[in-house]
Every structure is written in C-alpha cells, then in structure tokens.
Amino acid sequence: MRQRGYEGASMLNIAKAAKASNETMYRWYGDKQRLFLEIVKSTASETDMVLDKALQESNPPEDILREVGRLLLGLLMGERSVSLNRAAASDGSGTLGAAIARGGRERVFPKIVSLMGRLRENGQINPPSDEQAAQWFLYLLVGDLQTRRIIGTLPQPTRKIVYAHVDAALLAFYQLCGNPKIE
C-alpha cells in the first residue's frame, strides 16, 4: 500500500505482503474498503484504550495532558497513521476519511475536552471554554506536522523530538489559556 496508495493497492498485493492467501483476505474482510476500515478501527481502539487509562489515573491533570500529548503526536506522526491518511486522501469515495474521523477525532476530542475541564477546575487554565482549550491544545500540538509527514516532507520524528515538541506546545498552551502558575 505504501508504494501504490489506496487506489493502487489490490487485495492480492495486500495478501502477498501479509503472507496470506487472497481467499483468506476476502474471507476475513470481504473487500479492500472493509480491510482498511478494520485497520482504522484497530488503531482507534488502541488509542482509545490508552487515553481512557490515562484519564482514569489519579495523576495530576497536567501530567495526564503531557502523556496524552505524547501519545497523540506519536500516533499521528507514526507510519500507520501516515499510511492511513495517505490512503484516505486517495479514496475518492471519502469513506475511509470519514472512518478515520469517526474513529479518531470524534472519539478523542470529547475526552480532551473533559481533561480541559479538570485543568480548569484545578485553576490551572482559564480558557473561554473547555472546547476552545481543547482546540488550542490540538492546534499547538499538531500544527502542520501531520500534513508534512503525510506529504513526505518531514521524516518520522524520534521520541526525543516528539517529547520536546509536546513540552513546547504545552508551554504555549498554558500561556494562551492564562495559566496563573506560568509567568
């Protein structure tokens, strides 16, 4: 798929790469679109599970936000997400893009909004709304990095680079949200 894109990938090519038979792939997934939707679902479930675990811990909300930032940026910059987004961009039907949105942002964003509420209740941020704070956080965290990865102008960052970017994004976020602890 990486070489051919979504439109150019066939179930036969995918089966060969997976060292499986074409018949097995069709029996398990039915068609290419359902295979890609299963990949999206799997990626979303993994992310959801890690995010839920982080949000349920009794760690301070600012530590959870840092962990969530690292998780999200690492995921979005990773090869699986980049490949899925490239495939979605070449899917003329829009089905794969819609599945990515449902499995990704639509599931994650409300949880980030909830985390912003915890930060606000603790007096750590003072945004116009929890939703606005979540938007700002994501803009500062991701910016154009994901797009640059998808179009191939940015290599996959190391963990050290991801962590440094998250720390810089959080500093800007807290300044933007009026964190009384940051001067």
N, C-alpha and C. Protein backbone atom coordinates (compact mmCIF):
# COMPACT_ATOMS: atom_id res chain seq x y z
N MET A 1 0.82 -1.19 0.00
CA MET A 1 0.00 0.00 0.00
C MET A 1 0.87 1.25 0.00
N ARG A 2 1.95 1.26 0.73
CA ARG A 2 2.78 2.45 0.80
C ARG A 2 3.28 2.85 -0.58
N GLN A 3 3.61 1.87 -1.41
CA GLN A 3 4.13 2.18 -2.73
C GLN A 3 3.02 2.54 -3.71
N ARG A 4 1.85 1.93 -3.59
CA ARG A 4 0.79 2.08 -4.58
C ARG A 4 -0.35 3.00 -4.15
N GLY A 5 -0.45 3.30 -2.88
CA GLY A 5 -1.57 4.09 -2.40
C GLY A 5 -2.83 3.25 -2.31
N TYR A 6 -3.88 3.86 -1.82
CA TYR A 6 -5.14 3.14 -1.62
C TYR A 6 -5.72 2.65 -2.93
N GLU A 7 -5.83 3.52 -3.91
CA GLU A 7 -6.43 3.14 -5.20
C GLU A 7 -5.61 2.07 -5.91
N GLY A 8 -4.29 2.15 -5.79
CA GLY A 8 -3.43 1.20 -6.49
C GLY A 8 -3.22 -0.12 -5.77
N ALA A 9 -3.62 -0.17 -4.51
CA ALA A 9 -3.44 -1.40 -3.73
C ALA A 9 -4.57 -2.37 -4.06
N SER A 10 -4.22 -3.60 -4.31
CA SER A 10 -5.25 -4.62 -4.54
C SER A 10 -5.22 -5.59 -3.36
N MET A 11 -6.30 -6.30 -3.21
CA MET A 11 -6.35 -7.30 -2.14
C MET A 11 -5.27 -8.36 -2.36
N LEU A 12 -4.98 -8.67 -3.62
CA LEU A 12 -3.94 -9.65 -3.91
C LEU A 12 -2.57 -9.14 -3.45
N ASN A 13 -2.25 -7.89 -3.75
CA ASN A 13 -0.97 -7.31 -3.30
C ASN A 13 -0.89 -7.25 -1.78
N ILE A 14 -2.00 -6.88 -1.15
CA ILE A 14 -2.03 -6.82 0.31
C ILE A 14 -1.85 -8.21 0.90
N ALA A 15 -2.52 -9.21 0.30
CA ALA A 15 -2.40 -10.59 0.78
C ALA A 15 -0.96 -11.07 0.66
N LYS A 16 -0.32 -10.78 -0.46
CA LYS A 16 1.09 -11.19 -0.64
C LYS A 16 1.98 -10.53 0.42
N ALA A 17 1.78 -9.25 0.65
CA ALA A 17 2.59 -8.54 1.65
C ALA A 17 2.36 -9.11 3.04
N ALA A 18 1.14 -9.56 3.31
CA ALA A 18 0.80 -10.13 4.62
C ALA A 18 1.13 -11.61 4.71
N LYS A 19 1.63 -12.17 3.59
CA LYS A 19 1.94 -13.61 3.52
C LYS A 19 0.69 -14.43 3.82
N ALA A 20 -0.41 -14.01 3.23
CA ALA A 20 -1.69 -14.71 3.37
C ALA A 20 -2.24 -14.95 1.96
N SER A 21 -3.22 -15.80 1.88
CA SER A 21 -3.83 -16.05 0.57
C SER A 21 -4.88 -14.97 0.29
N ASN A 22 -5.07 -14.73 -0.98
CA ASN A 22 -6.08 -13.76 -1.40
C ASN A 22 -7.46 -14.19 -0.89
N GLU A 23 -7.72 -15.50 -0.95
CA GLU A 23 -9.02 -16.03 -0.49
C GLU A 23 -9.22 -15.76 1.00
N THR A 24 -8.15 -15.93 1.76
CA THR A 24 -8.23 -15.68 3.20
C THR A 24 -8.56 -14.22 3.47
N MET A 25 -7.90 -13.32 2.76
CA MET A 25 -8.15 -11.89 2.95
C MET A 25 -9.61 -11.55 2.64
N TYR A 26 -10.14 -12.09 1.55
CA TYR A 26 -11.54 -11.83 1.21
C TYR A 26 -12.48 -12.46 2.23
N ARG A 27 -12.13 -13.65 2.73
CA ARG A 27 -12.99 -14.30 3.71
C ARG A 27 -13.02 -13.48 5.01
N TRP A 28 -11.86 -12.97 5.44
CA TRP A 28 -11.79 -12.20 6.69
C TRP A 28 -12.41 -10.82 6.56
N TYR A 29 -12.17 -10.13 5.45
CA TYR A 29 -12.54 -8.72 5.35
C TYR A 29 -13.59 -8.40 4.29
N GLY A 30 -13.80 -9.29 3.33
CA GLY A 30 -14.79 -9.03 2.30
C GLY A 30 -14.24 -8.24 1.13
N ASP A 31 -13.68 -7.08 1.41
CA ASP A 31 -13.10 -6.27 0.33
C ASP A 31 -12.07 -5.31 0.92
N LYS A 32 -11.41 -4.58 0.04
CA LYS A 32 -10.33 -3.69 0.46
C LYS A 32 -10.84 -2.60 1.41
N GLN A 33 -11.99 -2.06 1.12
CA GLN A 33 -12.51 -0.99 1.96
C GLN A 33 -12.75 -1.48 3.39
N ARG A 34 -13.33 -2.65 3.53
CA ARG A 34 -13.57 -3.18 4.88
C ARG A 34 -12.27 -3.52 5.59
N LEU A 35 -11.25 -3.96 4.84
CA LEU A 35 -9.94 -4.20 5.43
C LEU A 35 -9.38 -2.91 6.01
N PHE A 36 -9.44 -1.82 5.24
CA PHE A 36 -8.92 -0.54 5.72
C PHE A 36 -9.74 -0.03 6.89
N LEU A 37 -11.04 -0.23 6.86
CA LEU A 37 -11.88 0.20 7.97
C LEU A 37 -11.52 -0.57 9.25
N GLU A 38 -11.18 -1.83 9.12
CA GLU A 38 -10.74 -2.62 10.28
C GLU A 38 -9.42 -2.10 10.84
N ILE A 39 -8.52 -1.68 9.95
CA ILE A 39 -7.25 -1.10 10.41
C ILE A 39 -7.52 0.19 11.19
N VAL A 40 -8.42 1.01 10.66
CA VAL A 40 -8.79 2.25 11.35
C VAL A 40 -9.38 1.93 12.71
N LYS A 41 -10.29 0.98 12.75
CA LYS A 41 -10.95 0.60 14.00
C LYS A 41 -9.93 0.09 15.02
N SER A 42 -8.99 -0.72 14.57
CA SER A 42 -7.97 -1.24 15.46
C SER A 42 -7.10 -0.12 16.03
N THR A 43 -6.68 0.80 15.17
CA THR A 43 -5.85 1.93 15.61
C THR A 43 -6.63 2.80 16.60
N ALA A 44 -7.88 3.06 16.29
CA ALA A 44 -8.72 3.89 17.17
C ALA A 44 -8.92 3.22 18.52
N SER A 45 -9.14 1.91 18.53
CA SER A 45 -9.36 1.19 19.79
C SER A 45 -8.12 1.24 20.68
N GLU A 46 -6.95 1.06 20.07
CA GLU A 46 -5.71 1.13 20.84
C GLU A 46 -5.54 2.51 21.47
N THR A 47 -5.76 3.54 20.67
CA THR A 47 -5.63 4.91 21.16
C THR A 47 -6.65 5.19 22.25
N ASP A 48 -7.87 4.79 22.02
CA ASP A 48 -8.95 4.99 22.99
C ASP A 48 -8.61 4.33 24.33
N MET A 49 -8.10 3.12 24.27
CA MET A 49 -7.77 2.38 25.48
C MET A 49 -6.67 3.10 26.28
N VAL A 50 -5.62 3.53 25.59
CA VAL A 50 -4.53 4.22 26.28
C VAL A 50 -5.02 5.56 26.84
N LEU A 51 -5.82 6.28 26.07
CA LEU A 51 -6.33 7.57 26.52
C LEU A 51 -7.26 7.39 27.71
N ASP A 52 -8.15 6.41 27.66
CA ASP A 52 -9.04 6.14 28.80
C ASP A 52 -8.25 5.82 30.06
N LYS A 53 -7.21 5.01 29.91
CA LYS A 53 -6.38 4.64 31.06
C LYS A 53 -5.72 5.88 31.66
N ALA A 54 -5.19 6.74 30.79
CA ALA A 54 -4.54 7.96 31.28
C ALA A 54 -5.54 8.86 32.01
N LEU A 55 -6.74 8.96 31.47
CA LEU A 55 -7.75 9.84 32.07
C LEU A 55 -8.30 9.29 33.38
N GLN A 56 -8.23 7.98 33.58
CA GLN A 56 -8.76 7.38 34.80
C GLN A 56 -7.75 7.38 35.94
N GLU A 57 -6.50 7.62 35.62
CA GLU A 57 -5.48 7.61 36.66
C GLU A 57 -5.65 8.83 37.56
N SER A 58 -5.09 8.71 38.74
CA SER A 58 -5.22 9.81 39.70
C SER A 58 -4.06 10.80 39.59
N ASN A 59 -3.29 10.70 38.51
CA ASN A 59 -2.19 11.65 38.30
C ASN A 59 -2.75 13.06 38.14
N PRO A 60 -1.93 14.05 38.41
CA PRO A 60 -2.38 15.43 38.19
C PRO A 60 -2.77 15.63 36.72
N PRO A 61 -3.80 16.42 36.45
CA PRO A 61 -4.26 16.59 35.07
C PRO A 61 -3.18 17.12 34.13
N GLU A 62 -2.26 17.93 34.64
CA GLU A 62 -1.19 18.44 33.75
C GLU A 62 -0.25 17.32 33.31
N ASP A 63 -0.05 16.33 34.18
CA ASP A 63 0.77 15.16 33.80
C ASP A 63 0.03 14.31 32.77
N ILE A 64 -1.28 14.18 32.97
CA ILE A 64 -2.09 13.41 32.02
C ILE A 64 -2.09 14.11 30.66
N LEU A 65 -2.20 15.44 30.65
CA LEU A 65 -2.19 16.18 29.39
C LEU A 65 -0.87 15.97 28.65
N ARG A 66 0.24 15.99 29.38
CA ARG A 66 1.55 15.73 28.76
C ARG A 66 1.58 14.32 28.17
N GLU A 67 1.09 13.33 28.92
CA GLU A 67 1.06 11.95 28.44
C GLU A 67 0.17 11.82 27.21
N VAL A 68 -0.99 12.46 27.24
CA VAL A 68 -1.91 12.42 26.10
C VAL A 68 -1.26 13.09 24.89
N GLY A 69 -0.59 14.20 25.10
CA GLY A 69 0.09 14.89 24.00
C GLY A 69 1.14 14.00 23.36
N ARG A 70 1.92 13.34 24.18
CA ARG A 70 2.95 12.44 23.65
C ARG A 70 2.33 11.28 22.89
N LEU A 71 1.27 10.71 23.44
CA LEU A 71 0.58 9.61 22.78
C LEU A 71 0.03 10.05 21.43
N LEU A 72 -0.72 11.14 21.44
CA LEU A 72 -1.36 11.59 20.20
C LEU A 72 -0.35 11.98 19.13
N LEU A 73 0.64 12.77 19.49
CA LEU A 73 1.61 13.19 18.50
C LEU A 73 2.40 12.00 17.97
N GLY A 74 2.80 11.11 18.85
CA GLY A 74 3.50 9.91 18.41
C GLY A 74 2.66 9.08 17.46
N LEU A 75 1.38 8.94 17.78
CA LEU A 75 0.47 8.18 16.94
C LEU A 75 0.29 8.86 15.58
N LEU A 76 -0.01 10.15 15.60
CA LEU A 76 -0.29 10.87 14.36
C LEU A 76 0.92 10.96 13.44
N MET A 77 2.10 10.93 14.02
CA MET A 77 3.33 11.02 13.22
C MET A 77 3.86 9.64 12.83
N GLY A 78 3.26 8.58 13.36
CA GLY A 78 3.71 7.22 13.10
C GLY A 78 3.33 6.73 11.72
N GLU A 79 4.00 5.70 11.31
CA GLU A 79 3.84 5.18 9.94
C GLU A 79 2.43 4.68 9.66
N ARG A 80 1.78 4.05 10.63
CA ARG A 80 0.43 3.52 10.39
C ARG A 80 -0.55 4.66 10.11
N SER A 81 -0.51 5.71 10.93
CA SER A 81 -1.42 6.84 10.72
C SER A 81 -1.11 7.56 9.42
N VAL A 82 0.16 7.73 9.12
CA VAL A 82 0.54 8.40 7.88
C VAL A 82 0.02 7.60 6.68
N SER A 83 0.21 6.29 6.71
CA SER A 83 -0.26 5.44 5.62
C SER A 83 -1.78 5.50 5.48
N LEU A 84 -2.48 5.45 6.61
CA LEU A 84 -3.95 5.52 6.57
C LEU A 84 -4.42 6.86 6.02
N ASN A 85 -3.78 7.94 6.42
CA ASN A 85 -4.18 9.26 5.94
C ASN A 85 -3.87 9.43 4.45
N ARG A 86 -2.75 8.88 4.01
CA ARG A 86 -2.45 8.90 2.58
C ARG A 86 -3.50 8.12 1.81
N ALA A 87 -3.87 6.97 2.35
CA ALA A 87 -4.90 6.15 1.69
C ALA A 87 -6.23 6.90 1.67
N ALA A 88 -6.58 7.56 2.75
CA ALA A 88 -7.84 8.30 2.80
C ALA A 88 -7.84 9.44 1.78
N ALA A 89 -6.69 10.08 1.61
CA ALA A 89 -6.61 11.18 0.64
C ALA A 89 -6.83 10.69 -0.78
N SER A 90 -6.49 9.44 -1.05
CA SER A 90 -6.67 8.94 -2.41
C SER A 90 -7.98 8.17 -2.59
N ASP A 91 -8.78 8.06 -1.55
CA ASP A 91 -10.07 7.38 -1.62
C ASP A 91 -11.13 8.38 -2.06
N GLY A 92 -11.48 8.34 -3.33
CA GLY A 92 -12.44 9.29 -3.89
C GLY A 92 -13.81 9.23 -3.25
N SER A 93 -14.16 8.11 -2.63
CA SER A 93 -15.49 7.99 -2.03
C SER A 93 -15.59 8.74 -0.70
N GLY A 94 -14.46 9.00 -0.06
CA GLY A 94 -14.47 9.67 1.24
C GLY A 94 -14.80 8.76 2.40
N THR A 95 -15.05 7.49 2.12
CA THR A 95 -15.44 6.54 3.16
C THR A 95 -14.33 6.34 4.19
N LEU A 96 -13.11 6.17 3.70
CA LEU A 96 -12.00 5.94 4.62
C LEU A 96 -11.72 7.17 5.48
N GLY A 97 -11.78 8.35 4.89
CA GLY A 97 -11.58 9.59 5.65
C GLY A 97 -12.64 9.75 6.73
N ALA A 98 -13.88 9.43 6.38
CA ALA A 98 -14.96 9.53 7.37
C ALA A 98 -14.74 8.54 8.50
N ALA A 99 -14.26 7.34 8.17
CA ALA A 99 -13.99 6.34 9.21
C ALA A 99 -12.85 6.80 10.12
N ILE A 100 -11.84 7.43 9.54
CA ILE A 100 -10.73 7.94 10.35
C ILE A 100 -11.24 9.03 11.29
N ALA A 101 -12.09 9.90 10.78
CA ALA A 101 -12.65 10.97 11.62
C ALA A 101 -13.49 10.39 12.76
N ARG A 102 -14.34 9.42 12.44
CA ARG A 102 -15.18 8.80 13.48
C ARG A 102 -14.33 8.08 14.52
N GLY A 103 -13.34 7.34 14.06
CA GLY A 103 -12.52 6.55 14.98
C GLY A 103 -11.47 7.37 15.70
N GLY A 104 -11.13 8.51 15.14
CA GLY A 104 -10.08 9.34 15.72
C GLY A 104 -10.62 10.53 16.46
N ARG A 105 -10.68 11.65 15.77
CA ARG A 105 -11.04 12.91 16.41
C ARG A 105 -12.38 12.86 17.13
N GLU A 106 -13.38 12.27 16.53
CA GLU A 106 -14.71 12.26 17.15
C GLU A 106 -14.73 11.46 18.46
N ARG A 107 -13.81 10.52 18.61
CA ARG A 107 -13.74 9.76 19.87
C ARG A 107 -12.80 10.42 20.87
N VAL A 108 -11.74 11.02 20.37
CA VAL A 108 -10.71 11.58 21.24
C VAL A 108 -11.05 12.97 21.75
N PHE A 109 -11.59 13.81 20.88
CA PHE A 109 -11.83 15.21 21.24
C PHE A 109 -12.67 15.37 22.50
N PRO A 110 -13.80 14.67 22.66
CA PRO A 110 -14.58 14.84 23.90
C PRO A 110 -13.78 14.49 25.16
N LYS A 111 -12.87 13.55 25.06
CA LYS A 111 -12.06 13.18 26.21
C LYS A 111 -11.05 14.28 26.54
N ILE A 112 -10.53 14.92 25.51
CA ILE A 112 -9.61 16.04 25.75
C ILE A 112 -10.38 17.20 26.35
N VAL A 113 -11.60 17.44 25.89
CA VAL A 113 -12.45 18.49 26.48
C VAL A 113 -12.67 18.20 27.96
N SER A 114 -12.92 16.95 28.30
CA SER A 114 -13.11 16.57 29.70
C SER A 114 -11.84 16.85 30.52
N LEU A 115 -10.71 16.54 29.95
CA LEU A 115 -9.44 16.81 30.63
C LEU A 115 -9.24 18.31 30.83
N MET A 116 -9.64 19.10 29.86
CA MET A 116 -9.53 20.56 29.99
C MET A 116 -10.41 21.04 31.15
N GLY A 117 -11.56 20.42 31.32
CA GLY A 117 -12.43 20.76 32.44
C GLY A 117 -11.74 20.50 33.78
N ARG A 118 -11.01 19.41 33.85
CA ARG A 118 -10.27 19.10 35.09
C ARG A 118 -9.18 20.14 35.34
N LEU A 119 -8.47 20.53 34.27
CA LEU A 119 -7.43 21.55 34.42
C LEU A 119 -8.04 22.88 34.86
N ARG A 120 -9.18 23.24 34.28
CA ARG A 120 -9.85 24.49 34.63
C ARG A 120 -10.34 24.45 36.07
N GLU A 121 -10.95 23.34 36.47
CA GLU A 121 -11.45 23.19 37.84
C GLU A 121 -10.31 23.27 38.87
N ASN A 122 -9.13 22.81 38.48
CA ASN A 122 -7.96 22.89 39.37
C ASN A 122 -7.29 24.26 39.34
N GLY A 123 -7.83 25.17 38.55
CA GLY A 123 -7.25 26.51 38.46
C GLY A 123 -5.98 26.59 37.64
N GLN A 124 -5.75 25.59 36.80
CA GLN A 124 -4.53 25.56 36.01
C GLN A 124 -4.66 26.24 34.65
N ILE A 125 -5.88 26.39 34.18
CA ILE A 125 -6.13 27.14 32.95
C ILE A 125 -7.39 27.97 33.13
N ASN A 126 -7.50 29.00 32.33
CA ASN A 126 -8.67 29.87 32.38
C ASN A 126 -9.08 30.22 30.95
N PRO A 127 -9.52 29.21 30.19
CA PRO A 127 -9.88 29.45 28.79
C PRO A 127 -11.31 29.97 28.65
N PRO A 128 -11.67 30.46 27.46
CA PRO A 128 -13.07 30.87 27.24
C PRO A 128 -14.04 29.70 27.43
N SER A 129 -13.61 28.49 27.06
CA SER A 129 -14.42 27.28 27.26
C SER A 129 -13.48 26.07 27.22
N ASP A 130 -13.96 24.96 27.74
CA ASP A 130 -13.16 23.74 27.69
C ASP A 130 -12.95 23.29 26.25
N GLU A 131 -13.98 23.46 25.41
CA GLU A 131 -13.87 23.10 24.00
C GLU A 131 -12.80 23.94 23.30
N GLN A 132 -12.78 25.24 23.58
CA GLN A 132 -11.78 26.11 22.97
C GLN A 132 -10.38 25.72 23.43
N ALA A 133 -10.24 25.39 24.69
CA ALA A 133 -8.94 24.96 25.20
C ALA A 133 -8.48 23.69 24.49
N ALA A 134 -9.39 22.75 24.28
CA ALA A 134 -9.04 21.51 23.58
C ALA A 134 -8.61 21.80 22.14
N GLN A 135 -9.34 22.72 21.48
CA GLN A 135 -8.96 23.12 20.11
C GLN A 135 -7.56 23.71 20.10
N TRP A 136 -7.30 24.65 20.98
CA TRP A 136 -5.99 25.29 21.03
C TRP A 136 -4.89 24.26 21.29
N PHE A 137 -5.14 23.36 22.22
CA PHE A 137 -4.16 22.33 22.53
C PHE A 137 -3.81 21.52 21.28
N LEU A 138 -4.83 21.07 20.57
CA LEU A 138 -4.58 20.25 19.37
C LEU A 138 -3.88 21.05 18.27
N TYR A 139 -4.27 22.32 18.09
CA TYR A 139 -3.60 23.15 17.08
C TYR A 139 -2.12 23.31 17.40
N LEU A 140 -1.82 23.60 18.65
CA LEU A 140 -0.43 23.78 19.05
C LEU A 140 0.35 22.46 19.01
N LEU A 141 -0.31 21.38 19.35
CA LEU A 141 0.34 20.08 19.37
C LEU A 141 0.68 19.58 17.97
N VAL A 142 -0.30 19.62 17.08
CA VAL A 142 -0.14 19.01 15.77
C VAL A 142 0.32 20.00 14.72
N GLY A 143 -0.26 21.20 14.73
CA GLY A 143 0.11 22.20 13.73
C GLY A 143 0.10 21.62 12.33
N ASP A 144 1.17 21.85 11.59
CA ASP A 144 1.26 21.29 10.24
C ASP A 144 2.14 20.05 10.19
N LEU A 145 2.54 19.54 11.34
CA LEU A 145 3.45 18.39 11.38
C LEU A 145 2.86 17.17 10.69
N GLN A 146 1.59 16.88 10.97
CA GLN A 146 0.97 15.69 10.38
C GLN A 146 0.88 15.84 8.86
N THR A 147 0.49 17.00 8.39
CA THR A 147 0.41 17.21 6.95
C THR A 147 1.78 17.05 6.30
N ARG A 148 2.80 17.61 6.92
CA ARG A 148 4.15 17.49 6.37
C ARG A 148 4.61 16.03 6.35
N ARG A 149 4.22 15.25 7.36
CA ARG A 149 4.56 13.81 7.35
C ARG A 149 3.82 13.10 6.21
N ILE A 150 2.55 13.41 6.06
CA ILE A 150 1.74 12.73 5.05
C ILE A 150 2.26 13.02 3.64
N ILE A 151 2.67 14.25 3.38
CA ILE A 151 3.15 14.59 2.04
C ILE A 151 4.62 14.25 1.84
N GLY A 152 5.26 13.73 2.87
CA GLY A 152 6.61 13.22 2.74
C GLY A 152 7.73 14.24 2.88
N THR A 153 7.42 15.41 3.43
CA THR A 153 8.47 16.43 3.59
C THR A 153 9.07 16.45 4.99
N LEU A 154 8.58 15.59 5.86
CA LEU A 154 9.09 15.53 7.22
C LEU A 154 9.29 14.06 7.59
N PRO A 155 10.49 13.69 8.02
CA PRO A 155 10.69 12.29 8.42
C PRO A 155 9.98 12.01 9.74
N GLN A 156 9.82 10.73 10.02
CA GLN A 156 9.21 10.35 11.29
C GLN A 156 10.11 10.83 12.42
N PRO A 157 9.56 11.61 13.35
CA PRO A 157 10.40 12.14 14.43
C PRO A 157 10.74 11.08 15.46
N THR A 158 11.86 11.28 16.10
CA THR A 158 12.26 10.40 17.19
C THR A 158 11.40 10.70 18.41
N ARG A 159 11.44 9.81 19.37
CA ARG A 159 10.71 10.03 20.62
C ARG A 159 11.19 11.32 21.29
N LYS A 160 12.49 11.57 21.25
CA LYS A 160 13.05 12.77 21.86
C LYS A 160 12.48 14.03 21.21
N ILE A 161 12.35 14.03 19.90
CA ILE A 161 11.78 15.18 19.19
C ILE A 161 10.31 15.34 19.52
N VAL A 162 9.57 14.23 19.56
CA VAL A 162 8.14 14.29 19.92
C VAL A 162 7.99 14.88 21.32
N TYR A 163 8.76 14.40 22.28
CA TYR A 163 8.65 14.88 23.66
C TYR A 163 8.99 16.36 23.75
N ALA A 164 10.03 16.79 23.04
CA ALA A 164 10.41 18.21 23.07
C ALA A 164 9.31 19.06 22.44
N HIS A 165 8.70 18.58 21.38
CA HIS A 165 7.63 19.34 20.74
C HIS A 165 6.42 19.43 21.67
N VAL A 166 6.08 18.35 22.33
CA VAL A 166 4.95 18.36 23.27
C VAL A 166 5.22 19.36 24.39
N ASP A 167 6.42 19.37 24.94
CA ASP A 167 6.74 20.32 26.00
C ASP A 167 6.61 21.76 25.52
N ALA A 168 7.08 22.05 24.31
CA ALA A 168 6.96 23.41 23.77
C ALA A 168 5.50 23.77 23.51
N ALA A 169 4.73 22.82 23.00
CA ALA A 169 3.30 23.08 22.76
C ALA A 169 2.57 23.33 24.06
N LEU A 170 2.90 22.59 25.11
CA LEU A 170 2.26 22.78 26.41
C LEU A 170 2.60 24.14 27.01
N LEU A 171 3.83 24.56 26.88
CA LEU A 171 4.22 25.87 27.39
C LEU A 171 3.39 26.96 26.71
N ALA A 172 3.29 26.90 25.39
CA ALA A 172 2.48 27.88 24.65
C ALA A 172 1.01 27.77 25.03
N PHE A 173 0.52 26.53 25.20
CA PHE A 173 -0.87 26.31 25.56
C PHE A 173 -1.21 26.96 26.91
N TYR A 174 -0.36 26.72 27.90
CA TYR A 174 -0.62 27.29 29.22
C TYR A 174 -0.55 28.82 29.20
N GLN A 175 0.32 29.36 28.41
CA GLN A 175 0.39 30.84 28.27
C GLN A 175 -0.88 31.34 27.60
N LEU A 176 -1.34 30.66 26.58
CA LEU A 176 -2.55 31.06 25.86
C LEU A 176 -3.79 30.96 26.74
N CYS A 177 -3.82 29.95 27.59
CA CYS A 177 -5.00 29.71 28.42
C CYS A 177 -4.93 30.43 29.78
N GLY A 178 -3.94 31.28 29.94
CA GLY A 178 -3.89 32.07 31.17
C GLY A 178 -3.61 31.27 32.40
N ASN A 179 -2.66 30.35 32.32
CA ASN A 179 -2.27 29.57 33.49
C ASN A 179 -1.64 30.49 34.52
N PRO A 180 -2.24 30.60 35.69
CA PRO A 180 -1.71 31.50 36.72
C PRO A 180 -0.34 31.07 37.25
N LYS A 181 0.06 29.83 37.01
CA LYS A 181 1.34 29.34 37.52
C LYS A 181 2.51 29.68 36.60
N ILE A 182 2.21 30.07 35.37
CA ILE A 182 3.26 30.39 34.40
C ILE A 182 3.33 31.90 34.24
N GLU A 183 4.50 32.44 34.37
CA GLU A 183 4.64 33.90 34.26
C GLU A 183 5.31 34.26 32.97
